[in-house]
All heavy atoms as atom14 arrays in JSON, in Angstrom:
{
  "sequence": "LGRGERELFVAEKRAALSVVRRRLERDGLGPFCLELHSNRSSKSEV",
  "atom14_mask": [
    [1, 1, 1, 1, 1, 1, 1, 1, 0, 0, 0, 0, 0, 0],
    [1, 1, 1, 1, 0, 0, 0, 0, 0, 0, 0, 0, 0, 0],
    [1, 1, 1, 1, 1, 1, 1, 1, 1, 1, 1, 0, 0, 0],
    [1, 1, 1, 1, 0, 0, 0, 0, 0, 0, 0, 0, 0, 0],
    [1, 1, 1, 1, 1, 1, 1, 1, 1, 0, 0, 0, 0, 0],
    [1, 1, 1, 1, 1, 1, 1, 1, 1, 1, 1, 0, 0, 0],
    [1, 1, 1, 1, 1, 1, 1, 1, 1, 0, 0, 0, 0, 0],
    [1, 1, 1, 1, 1, 1, 1, 1, 0, 0, 0, 0, 0, 0],
    [1, 1, 1, 1, 1, 1, 1, 1, 1, 1, 1, 0, 0, 0],
    [1, 1, 1, 1, 1, 1, 1, 0, 0, 0, 0, 0, 0, 0],
    [1, 1, 1, 1, 1, 0, 0, 0, 0, 0, 0, 0, 0, 0],
    [1, 1, 1, 1, 1, 1, 1, 1, 1, 0, 0, 0, 0, 0],
    [1, 1, 1, 1, 1, 1, 1, 1, 1, 0, 0, 0, 0, 0],
    [1, 1, 1, 1, 1, 1, 1, 1, 1, 1, 1, 0, 0, 0],
    [1, 1, 1, 1, 1, 0, 0, 0, 0, 0, 0, 0, 0, 0],
    [1, 1, 1, 1, 1, 0, 0, 0, 0, 0, 0, 0, 0, 0],
    [1, 1, 1, 1, 1, 1, 1, 1, 0, 0, 0, 0, 0, 0],
    [1, 1, 1, 1, 1, 1, 0, 0, 0, 0, 0, 0, 0, 0],
    [1, 1, 1, 1, 1, 1, 1, 0, 0, 0, 0, 0, 0, 0],
    [1, 1, 1, 1, 1, 1, 1, 0, 0, 0, 0, 0, 0, 0],
    [1, 1, 1, 1, 1, 1, 1, 1, 1, 1, 1, 0, 0, 0],
    [1, 1, 1, 1, 1, 1, 1, 1, 1, 1, 1, 0, 0, 0],
    [1, 1, 1, 1, 1, 1, 1, 1, 1, 1, 1, 0, 0, 0],
    [1, 1, 1, 1, 1, 1, 1, 1, 0, 0, 0, 0, 0, 0],
    [1, 1, 1, 1, 1, 1, 1, 1, 1, 0, 0, 0, 0, 0],
    [1, 1, 1, 1, 1, 1, 1, 1, 1, 1, 1, 0, 0, 0],
    [1, 1, 1, 1, 1, 1, 1, 1, 0, 0, 0, 0, 0, 0],
    [1, 1, 1, 1, 0, 0, 0, 0, 0, 0, 0, 0, 0, 0],
    [1, 1, 1, 1, 1, 1, 1, 1, 0, 0, 0, 0, 0, 0],
    [1, 1, 1, 1, 0, 0, 0, 0, 0, 0, 0, 0, 0, 0],
    [1, 1, 1, 1, 1, 1, 1, 0, 0, 0, 0, 0, 0, 0],
    [1, 1, 1, 1, 1, 1, 1, 1, 1, 1, 1, 0, 0, 0],
    [1, 1, 1, 1, 1, 1, 0, 0, 0, 0, 0, 0, 0, 0],
    [1, 1, 1, 1, 1, 1, 1, 1, 0, 0, 0, 0, 0, 0],
    [1, 1, 1, 1, 1, 1, 1, 1, 1, 0, 0, 0, 0, 0],
    [1, 1, 1, 1, 1, 1, 1, 1, 0, 0, 0, 0, 0, 0],
    [1, 1, 1, 1, 1, 1, 1, 1, 1, 1, 0, 0, 0, 0],
    [1, 1, 1, 1, 1, 1, 0, 0, 0, 0, 0, 0, 0, 0],
    [1, 1, 1, 1, 1, 1, 1, 1, 0, 0, 0, 0, 0, 0],
    [1, 1, 1, 1, 1, 1, 1, 1, 1, 1, 1, 0, 0, 0],
    [1, 1, 1, 1, 1, 1, 0, 0, 0, 0, 0, 0, 0, 0],
    [1, 1, 1, 1, 1, 1, 0, 0, 0, 0, 0, 0, 0, 0],
    [1, 1, 1, 1, 1, 1, 1, 1, 1, 0, 0, 0, 0, 0],
    [1, 1, 1, 1, 1, 1, 0, 0, 0, 0, 0, 0, 0, 0],
    [1, 1, 1, 1, 1, 1, 1, 1, 1, 0, 0, 0, 0, 0],
    [1, 1, 1, 1, 1, 1, 1, 0, 0, 0, 0, 0, 0, 0]
  ],
  "atom14_positions": [
    [[87.83, -19.29, -27.82], [88.85, -20.14, -28.44], [90.04, -20.3, -27.51], [90.61, -21.39, -27.41], [89.3, -19.54, -29.78], [88.28, -19.6, -30.91], [88.79, -18.82, -32.12], [87.96, -21.02, -31.29], [0.0, 0.0, 0.0], [0.0, 0.0, 0.0], [0.0, 0.0, 0.0], [0.0, 0.0, 0.0], [0.0, 0.0, 0.0], [0.0, 0.0, 0.0]],
    [[90.4, -19.23, -26.82], [91.51, -19.3, -25.88], [91.24, -20.25, -24.72], [92.16, -20.8, -24.13], [0.0, 0.0, 0.0], [0.0, 0.0, 0.0], [0.0, 0.0, 0.0], [0.0, 0.0, 0.0], [0.0, 0.0, 0.0], [0.0, 0.0, 0.0], [0.0, 0.0, 0.0], [0.0, 0.0, 0.0], [0.0, 0.0, 0.0], [0.0, 0.0, 0.0]],
    [[89.97, -20.44, -24.4], [89.59, -21.38, -23.34], [89.33, -22.78, -23.9], [88.88, -23.66, -23.17], [88.34, -20.87, -22.62], [88.57, -19.63, -21.79], [87.38, -19.3, -20.89], [86.1, -19.48, -21.53], [85.4, -18.51, -22.14], [85.87, -17.3, -22.17], [84.23, -18.75, -22.68], [0.0, 0.0, 0.0], [0.0, 0.0, 0.0], [0.0, 0.0, 0.0]],
    [[89.58, -22.97, -25.2], [89.39, -24.29, -25.81], [87.96, -24.6, -26.18], [87.63, -25.76, -26.41], [0.0, 0.0, 0.0], [0.0, 0.0, 0.0], [0.0, 0.0, 0.0], [0.0, 0.0, 0.0], [0.0, 0.0, 0.0], [0.0, 0.0, 0.0], [0.0, 0.0, 0.0], [0.0, 0.0, 0.0], [0.0, 0.0, 0.0], [0.0, 0.0, 0.0]],
    [[87.12, -23.6, -26.23], [85.71, -23.82, -26.56], [85.47, -23.58, -28.05], [86.29, -22.98, -28.74], [84.83, -22.87, -25.75], [84.91, -23.11, -24.27], [84.09, -22.11, -23.47], [83.47, -21.21, -24.07], [84.09, -22.21, -22.24], [0.0, 0.0, 0.0], [0.0, 0.0, 0.0], [0.0, 0.0, 0.0], [0.0, 0.0, 0.0], [0.0, 0.0, 0.0]],
    [[84.33, -24.04, -28.51], [83.91, -23.78, -29.88], [82.77, -22.78, -29.85], [81.96, -22.78, -28.92], [83.42, -25.07, -30.55], [84.55, -26.04, -30.82], [84.02, -27.31, -31.35], [83.48, -28.06, -30.19], [82.9, -29.22, -30.25], [82.74, -29.79, -31.4], [82.46, -29.81, -29.18], [0.0, 0.0, 0.0], [0.0, 0.0, 0.0], [0.0, 0.0, 0.0]],
    [[82.69, -21.95, -30.86], [81.65, -20.92, -30.93], [80.98, -20.96, -32.28], [81.63, -21.25, -33.29], [82.25, -19.52, -30.72], [82.7, -19.24, -29.31], [81.55, -19.26, -28.32], [80.49, -18.66, -28.61], [81.71, -19.88, -27.26], [0.0, 0.0, 0.0], [0.0, 0.0, 0.0], [0.0, 0.0, 0.0], [0.0, 0.0, 0.0], [0.0, 0.0, 0.0]],
    [[79.7, -20.65, -32.29], [78.96, -20.49, -33.53], [78.48, -19.06, -33.59], [77.77, -18.6, -32.69], [77.75, -21.44, -33.57], [76.79, -21.25, -34.75], [77.49, -21.56, -36.07], [75.56, -22.14, -34.57], [0.0, 0.0, 0.0], [0.0, 0.0, 0.0], [0.0, 0.0, 0.0], [0.0, 0.0, 0.0], [0.0, 0.0, 0.0], [0.0, 0.0, 0.0]],
    [[78.9, -18.35, -34.61], [78.48, -16.96, -34.81], [77.58, -16.92, -36.03], [77.98, -17.31, -37.12], [79.7, -16.06, -34.99], [79.35, -14.65, -35.43], [78.42, -13.9, -34.75], [79.98, -14.09, -36.53], [78.1, -12.61, -35.15], [79.68, -12.81, -36.94], [78.73, -12.07, -36.24], [0.0, 0.0, 0.0], [0.0, 0.0, 0.0], [0.0, 0.0, 0.0]],
    [[76.37, -16.45, -35.84], [75.38, -16.36, -36.91], [74.95, -14.91, -37.02], [74.7, -14.25, -36.01], [74.14, -17.25, -36.6], [73.11, -17.13, -37.68], [74.56, -18.69, -36.39], [0.0, 0.0, 0.0], [0.0, 0.0, 0.0], [0.0, 0.0, 0.0], [0.0, 0.0, 0.0], [0.0, 0.0, 0.0], [0.0, 0.0, 0.0], [0.0, 0.0, 0.0]],
    [[74.88, -14.41, -38.25], [74.44, -13.04, -38.46], [73.5, -13.0, -39.65], [73.6, -13.79, -40.57], [75.63, -12.12, -38.72], [0.0, 0.0, 0.0], [0.0, 0.0, 0.0], [0.0, 0.0, 0.0], [0.0, 0.0, 0.0], [0.0, 0.0, 0.0], [0.0, 0.0, 0.0], [0.0, 0.0, 0.0], [0.0, 0.0, 0.0], [0.0, 0.0, 0.0]],
    [[72.58, -12.07, -39.6], [71.62, -11.92, -40.68], [72.29, -11.4, -41.95], [71.94, -11.81, -43.05], [70.52, -10.94, -40.25], [69.41, -10.78, -41.27], [68.3, -9.89, -40.76], [68.2, -9.67, -39.55], [67.53, -9.41, -41.61], [0.0, 0.0, 0.0], [0.0, 0.0, 0.0], [0.0, 0.0, 0.0], [0.0, 0.0, 0.0], [0.0, 0.0, 0.0]],
    [[73.28, -10.53, -41.77], [73.94, -9.91, -42.93], [75.35, -10.47, -43.1], [76.11, -10.6, -42.16], [74.0, -8.4, -42.74], [72.62, -7.79, -42.69], [72.67, -6.3, -42.55], [71.25, -5.75, -42.5], [71.23, -4.33, -42.28], [0.0, 0.0, 0.0], [0.0, 0.0, 0.0], [0.0, 0.0, 0.0], [0.0, 0.0, 0.0], [0.0, 0.0, 0.0]],
    [[75.67, -10.76, -44.35], [76.99, -11.3, -44.67], [78.1, -10.32, -44.31], [79.19, -10.72, -43.91], [77.04, -11.65, -46.15], [78.33, -12.29, -46.53], [78.31, -12.75, -47.95], [79.6, -13.3, -48.28], [79.83, -14.04, -49.3], [78.85, -14.34, -50.11], [81.02, -14.5, -49.55], [0.0, 0.0, 0.0], [0.0, 0.0, 0.0], [0.0, 0.0, 0.0]],
    [[77.82, -9.03, -44.41], [78.82, -8.02, -44.08], [79.27, -8.17, -42.62], [80.46, -8.03, -42.31], [78.28, -6.62, -44.33], [0.0, 0.0, 0.0], [0.0, 0.0, 0.0], [0.0, 0.0, 0.0], [0.0, 0.0, 0.0], [0.0, 0.0, 0.0], [0.0, 0.0, 0.0], [0.0, 0.0, 0.0], [0.0, 0.0, 0.0], [0.0, 0.0, 0.0]],
    [[78.34, -8.46, -41.74], [78.68, -8.64, -40.32], [79.61, -9.84, -40.15], [80.58, -9.8, -39.38], [77.42, -8.81, -39.49], [0.0, 0.0, 0.0], [0.0, 0.0, 0.0], [0.0, 0.0, 0.0], [0.0, 0.0, 0.0], [0.0, 0.0, 0.0], [0.0, 0.0, 0.0], [0.0, 0.0, 0.0], [0.0, 0.0, 0.0], [0.0, 0.0, 0.0]],
    [[79.33, -10.92, -40.85], [80.19, -12.1, -40.8], [81.6, -11.76, -41.29], [82.59, -12.17, -40.67], [79.61, -13.23, -41.66], [78.27, -13.82, -41.23], [77.73, -14.74, -42.31], [78.41, -14.55, -39.92], [0.0, 0.0, 0.0], [0.0, 0.0, 0.0], [0.0, 0.0, 0.0], [0.0, 0.0, 0.0], [0.0, 0.0, 0.0], [0.0, 0.0, 0.0]],
    [[81.67, -11.01, -42.36], [82.96, -10.66, -42.95], [83.78, -9.78, -42.02], [85.0, -9.97, -41.89], [82.77, -9.94, -44.28], [82.15, -10.8, -45.21], [0.0, 0.0, 0.0], [0.0, 0.0, 0.0], [0.0, 0.0, 0.0], [0.0, 0.0, 0.0], [0.0, 0.0, 0.0], [0.0, 0.0, 0.0], [0.0, 0.0, 0.0], [0.0, 0.0, 0.0]],
    [[83.15, -8.82, -41.37], [83.87, -7.92, -40.46], [84.45, -8.71, -39.29], [85.62, -8.54, -38.93], [82.95, -6.78, -39.95], [83.6, -6.01, -38.82], [82.58, -5.85, -41.09], [0.0, 0.0, 0.0], [0.0, 0.0, 0.0], [0.0, 0.0, 0.0], [0.0, 0.0, 0.0], [0.0, 0.0, 0.0], [0.0, 0.0, 0.0], [0.0, 0.0, 0.0]],
    [[83.66, -9.58, -38.7], [84.14, -10.36, -37.56], [85.26, -11.29, -38.01], [86.28, -11.43, -37.34], [82.98, -11.13, -36.89], [83.51, -12.12, -35.86], [82.01, -10.15, -36.25], [0.0, 0.0, 0.0], [0.0, 0.0, 0.0], [0.0, 0.0, 0.0], [0.0, 0.0, 0.0], [0.0, 0.0, 0.0], [0.0, 0.0, 0.0], [0.0, 0.0, 0.0]],
    [[85.09, -11.92, -39.16], [86.14, -12.82, -39.66], [87.44, -12.06, -39.89], [88.52, -12.54, -39.53], [85.7, -13.5, -40.95], [86.77, -14.46, -41.45], [86.36, -15.17, -42.72], [87.41, -16.07, -43.12], [87.42, -17.37, -42.87], [86.43, -17.94, -42.24], [88.43, -18.12, -43.26], [0.0, 0.0, 0.0], [0.0, 0.0, 0.0], [0.0, 0.0, 0.0]],
    [[87.37, -10.86, -40.49], [88.59, -10.06, -40.72], [89.28, -9.73, -39.4], [90.5, -9.78, -39.3], [88.26, -8.78, -41.49], [88.18, -8.97, -42.99], [88.22, -7.65, -43.75], [87.27, -6.67, -43.28], [86.01, -6.56, -43.69], [85.53, -7.4, -44.59], [85.22, -5.62, -43.22], [0.0, 0.0, 0.0], [0.0, 0.0, 0.0], [0.0, 0.0, 0.0]],
    [[88.5, -9.4, -38.39], [89.09, -9.09, -37.08], [89.79, -10.32, -36.5], [90.88, -10.23, -35.95], [88.03, -8.58, -36.12], [87.53, -7.2, -36.47], [86.47, -6.73, -35.47], [85.86, -5.5, -35.86], [86.35, -4.29, -35.62], [87.49, -4.17, -34.99], [85.71, -3.22, -36.01], [0.0, 0.0, 0.0], [0.0, 0.0, 0.0], [0.0, 0.0, 0.0]],
    [[89.17, -11.48, -36.63], [89.78, -12.71, -36.13], [91.03, -13.07, -36.93], [92.03, -13.5, -36.36], [88.76, -13.85, -36.14], [87.61, -13.69, -35.14], [86.53, -14.72, -35.41], [88.11, -13.77, -33.71], [0.0, 0.0, 0.0], [0.0, 0.0, 0.0], [0.0, 0.0, 0.0], [0.0, 0.0, 0.0], [0.0, 0.0, 0.0], [0.0, 0.0, 0.0]],
    [[90.98, -12.87, -38.23], [92.15, -13.13, -39.07], [93.29, -12.21, -38.68], [94.45, -12.63, -38.61], [91.8, -12.97, -40.54], [90.96, -14.1, -41.09], [90.45, -13.87, -42.5], [90.49, -12.7, -42.97], [90.01, -14.84, -43.11], [0.0, 0.0, 0.0], [0.0, 0.0, 0.0], [0.0, 0.0, 0.0], [0.0, 0.0, 0.0], [0.0, 0.0, 0.0]],
    [[92.98, -10.95, -38.43], [94.0, -9.96, -38.03], [94.72, -10.41, -36.76], [95.9, -10.17, -36.58], [93.32, -8.6, -37.81], [94.28, -7.5, -37.37], [93.54, -6.29, -36.89], [92.85, -6.64, -35.66], [91.8, -5.99, -35.18], [91.31, -4.97, -35.83], [91.23, -6.37, -34.05], [0.0, 0.0, 0.0], [0.0, 0.0, 0.0], [0.0, 0.0, 0.0]],
    [[94.01, -11.1, -35.89], [94.58, -11.55, -34.63], [95.12, -12.98, -34.7], [95.39, -13.59, -33.67], [93.53, -11.44, -33.51], [93.19, -9.99, -33.21], [94.05, -9.11, -33.42], [92.06, -9.74, -32.77], [0.0, 0.0, 0.0], [0.0, 0.0, 0.0], [0.0, 0.0, 0.0], [0.0, 0.0, 0.0], [0.0, 0.0, 0.0], [0.0, 0.0, 0.0]],
    [[95.24, -13.52, -35.92], [95.82, -14.84, -36.1], [94.87, -16.0, -35.87], [95.3, -17.14, -35.78], [0.0, 0.0, 0.0], [0.0, 0.0, 0.0], [0.0, 0.0, 0.0], [0.0, 0.0, 0.0], [0.0, 0.0, 0.0], [0.0, 0.0, 0.0], [0.0, 0.0, 0.0], [0.0, 0.0, 0.0], [0.0, 0.0, 0.0], [0.0, 0.0, 0.0]],
    [[93.58, -15.72, -35.81], [92.6, -16.78, -35.55], [91.82, -17.2, -36.79], [90.89, -17.99, -36.7], [91.64, -16.34, -34.44], [92.31, -16.08, -33.09], [91.32, -15.48, -32.12], [92.91, -17.35, -32.54], [0.0, 0.0, 0.0], [0.0, 0.0, 0.0], [0.0, 0.0, 0.0], [0.0, 0.0, 0.0], [0.0, 0.0, 0.0], [0.0, 0.0, 0.0]],
    [[92.21, -16.69, -37.94], [91.52, -17.03, -39.19], [91.41, -18.51, -39.46], [90.36, -18.99, -39.9], [0.0, 0.0, 0.0], [0.0, 0.0, 0.0], [0.0, 0.0, 0.0], [0.0, 0.0, 0.0], [0.0, 0.0, 0.0], [0.0, 0.0, 0.0], [0.0, 0.0, 0.0], [0.0, 0.0, 0.0], [0.0, 0.0, 0.0], [0.0, 0.0, 0.0]],
    [[92.47, -19.3, -39.2], [92.38, -20.73, -39.48], [91.29, -21.44, -38.67], [90.89, -22.55, -39.02], [93.76, -21.26, -39.09], [94.67, -20.09, -39.19], [93.83, -18.91, -38.81], [0.0, 0.0, 0.0], [0.0, 0.0, 0.0], [0.0, 0.0, 0.0], [0.0, 0.0, 0.0], [0.0, 0.0, 0.0], [0.0, 0.0, 0.0], [0.0, 0.0, 0.0]],
    [[90.82, -20.82, -37.62], [89.81, -21.46, -36.78], [88.4, -21.01, -37.13], [87.45, -21.33, -36.42], [90.12, -21.19, -35.3], [91.47, -21.74, -34.93], [92.57, -20.91, -34.89], [91.63, -23.09, -34.68], [93.82, -21.42, -34.59], [92.88, -23.6, -34.38], [93.98, -22.76, -34.34], [0.0, 0.0, 0.0], [0.0, 0.0, 0.0], [0.0, 0.0, 0.0]],
    [[88.26, -20.29, -38.25], [86.94, -19.87, -38.73], [86.52, -20.78, -39.87], [87.26, -20.96, -40.83], [86.99, -18.43, -39.24], [87.41, -17.22, -37.99], [0.0, 0.0, 0.0], [0.0, 0.0, 0.0], [0.0, 0.0, 0.0], [0.0, 0.0, 0.0], [0.0, 0.0, 0.0], [0.0, 0.0, 0.0], [0.0, 0.0, 0.0], [0.0, 0.0, 0.0]],
    [[85.36, -21.33, -39.78], [84.82, -22.2, -40.82], [83.73, -21.43, -41.54], [82.71, -21.08, -40.95], [84.27, -23.49, -40.2], [83.69, -24.52, -41.16], [84.75, -25.0, -42.15], [83.14, -25.69, -40.37], [0.0, 0.0, 0.0], [0.0, 0.0, 0.0], [0.0, 0.0, 0.0], [0.0, 0.0, 0.0], [0.0, 0.0, 0.0], [0.0, 0.0, 0.0]],
    [[83.95, -21.14, -42.8], [83.03, -20.34, -43.58], [82.05, -21.25, -44.33], [82.46, -22.04, -45.18], [83.82, -19.48, -44.58], [83.0, -18.48, -45.31], [83.86, -17.58, -46.18], [85.09, -17.55, -45.99], [83.3, -16.94, -47.07], [0.0, 0.0, 0.0], [0.0, 0.0, 0.0], [0.0, 0.0, 0.0], [0.0, 0.0, 0.0], [0.0, 0.0, 0.0]],
    [[80.77, -21.14, -43.99], [79.77, -22.02, -44.61], [78.7, -21.26, -45.38], [77.76, -21.86, -45.86], [79.1, -22.87, -43.52], [80.01, -23.83, -42.78], [79.26, -24.51, -41.65], [80.59, -24.86, -43.73], [0.0, 0.0, 0.0], [0.0, 0.0, 0.0], [0.0, 0.0, 0.0], [0.0, 0.0, 0.0], [0.0, 0.0, 0.0], [0.0, 0.0, 0.0]],
    [[78.83, -19.96, -45.5], [77.75, -19.16, -46.08], [78.0, -18.74, -47.52], [77.21, -18.02, -48.08], [77.52, -17.92, -45.23], [78.66, -16.96, -45.28], [79.8, -17.17, -44.56], [78.84, -15.82, -45.98], [80.64, -16.17, -44.79], [80.09, -15.36, -45.66], [0.0, 0.0, 0.0], [0.0, 0.0, 0.0], [0.0, 0.0, 0.0], [0.0, 0.0, 0.0]],
    [[79.09, -19.16, -48.12], [79.4, -18.65, -49.45], [79.71, -19.77, -50.42], [79.39, -20.92, -50.17], [80.61, -17.71, -49.34], [81.77, -18.47, -49.04], [0.0, 0.0, 0.0], [0.0, 0.0, 0.0], [0.0, 0.0, 0.0], [0.0, 0.0, 0.0], [0.0, 0.0, 0.0], [0.0, 0.0, 0.0], [0.0, 0.0, 0.0], [0.0, 0.0, 0.0]],
    [[80.37, -19.41, -51.49], [80.77, -20.41, -52.48], [81.8, -21.38, -51.92], [82.1, -22.38, -52.52], [81.31, -19.73, -53.73], [82.55, -18.88, -53.43], [82.82, -18.55, -52.28], [83.26, -18.5, -54.48], [0.0, 0.0, 0.0], [0.0, 0.0, 0.0], [0.0, 0.0, 0.0], [0.0, 0.0, 0.0], [0.0, 0.0, 0.0], [0.0, 0.0, 0.0]],
    [[82.34, -21.09, -50.72], [83.32, -21.99, -50.09], [82.63, -23.12, -49.33], [83.28, -23.86, -48.62], [84.2, -21.19, -49.15], [85.03, -20.15, -49.87], [85.99, -19.5, -48.96], [87.04, -20.47, -48.65], [88.0, -20.28, -47.77], [88.04, -19.17, -47.11], [88.91, -21.19, -47.55], [0.0, 0.0, 0.0], [0.0, 0.0, 0.0], [0.0, 0.0, 0.0]],
    [[81.34, -23.26, -49.47], [80.63, -24.26, -48.67], [80.49, -25.62, -49.36], [79.78, -26.46, -48.87], [79.25, -23.72, -48.26], [78.47, -23.47, -49.39], [0.0, 0.0, 0.0], [0.0, 0.0, 0.0], [0.0, 0.0, 0.0], [0.0, 0.0, 0.0], [0.0, 0.0, 0.0], [0.0, 0.0, 0.0], [0.0, 0.0, 0.0], [0.0, 0.0, 0.0]],
    [[81.2, -25.85, -50.46], [81.18, -27.18, -51.05], [81.94, -28.13, -50.13], [82.74, -27.72, -49.29], [81.84, -27.16, -52.44], [83.24, -27.0, -52.3], [0.0, 0.0, 0.0], [0.0, 0.0, 0.0], [0.0, 0.0, 0.0], [0.0, 0.0, 0.0], [0.0, 0.0, 0.0], [0.0, 0.0, 0.0], [0.0, 0.0, 0.0], [0.0, 0.0, 0.0]],
    [[81.69, -29.41, -50.29], [82.31, -30.4, -49.41], [83.83, -30.31, -49.45], [84.5, -30.31, -48.41], [81.86, -31.81, -49.82], [82.44, -32.89, -48.96], [81.95, -34.26, -49.39], [82.58, -35.36, -48.56], [82.12, -36.69, -48.97], [0.0, 0.0, 0.0], [0.0, 0.0, 0.0], [0.0, 0.0, 0.0], [0.0, 0.0, 0.0], [0.0, 0.0, 0.0]],
    [[84.4, -30.18, -50.64], [85.87, -30.13, -50.74], [86.43, -28.86, -50.11], [87.49, -28.89, -49.49], [86.3, -30.24, -52.2], [85.79, -29.16, -52.95], [0.0, 0.0, 0.0], [0.0, 0.0, 0.0], [0.0, 0.0, 0.0], [0.0, 0.0, 0.0], [0.0, 0.0, 0.0], [0.0, 0.0, 0.0], [0.0, 0.0, 0.0], [0.0, 0.0, 0.0]],
    [[85.74, -27.75, -50.24], [86.21, -26.5, -49.64], [86.12, -26.56, -48.11], [87.01, -26.08, -47.41], [85.42, -25.3, -50.17], [85.74, -24.95, -51.61], [87.17, -24.49, -51.8], [87.74, -23.89, -50.88], [87.72, -24.76, -52.88], [0.0, 0.0, 0.0], [0.0, 0.0, 0.0], [0.0, 0.0, 0.0], [0.0, 0.0, 0.0], [0.0, 0.0, 0.0]],
    [[85.05, -27.15, -47.59], [84.93, -27.28, -46.13], [86.06, -28.17, -45.61], [86.7, -27.85, -44.6], [83.55, -27.84, -45.74], [83.51, -28.23, -44.27], [82.46, -26.82, -46.05], [0.0, 0.0, 0.0], [0.0, 0.0, 0.0], [0.0, 0.0, 0.0], [0.0, 0.0, 0.0], [0.0, 0.0, 0.0], [0.0, 0.0, 0.0], [0.0, 0.0, 0.0]]
  ]
}
């Protein structure tokens, strides 16, 4: 992200996604995470 690139992180377990997202949020990068694996994946939420 610091180099202006986009990344796709895929994990088999939702817990792994959550841990990585929390770490990114802690470092101020939460707004750049797009969550598509949960109830937030409706069109309006995206």
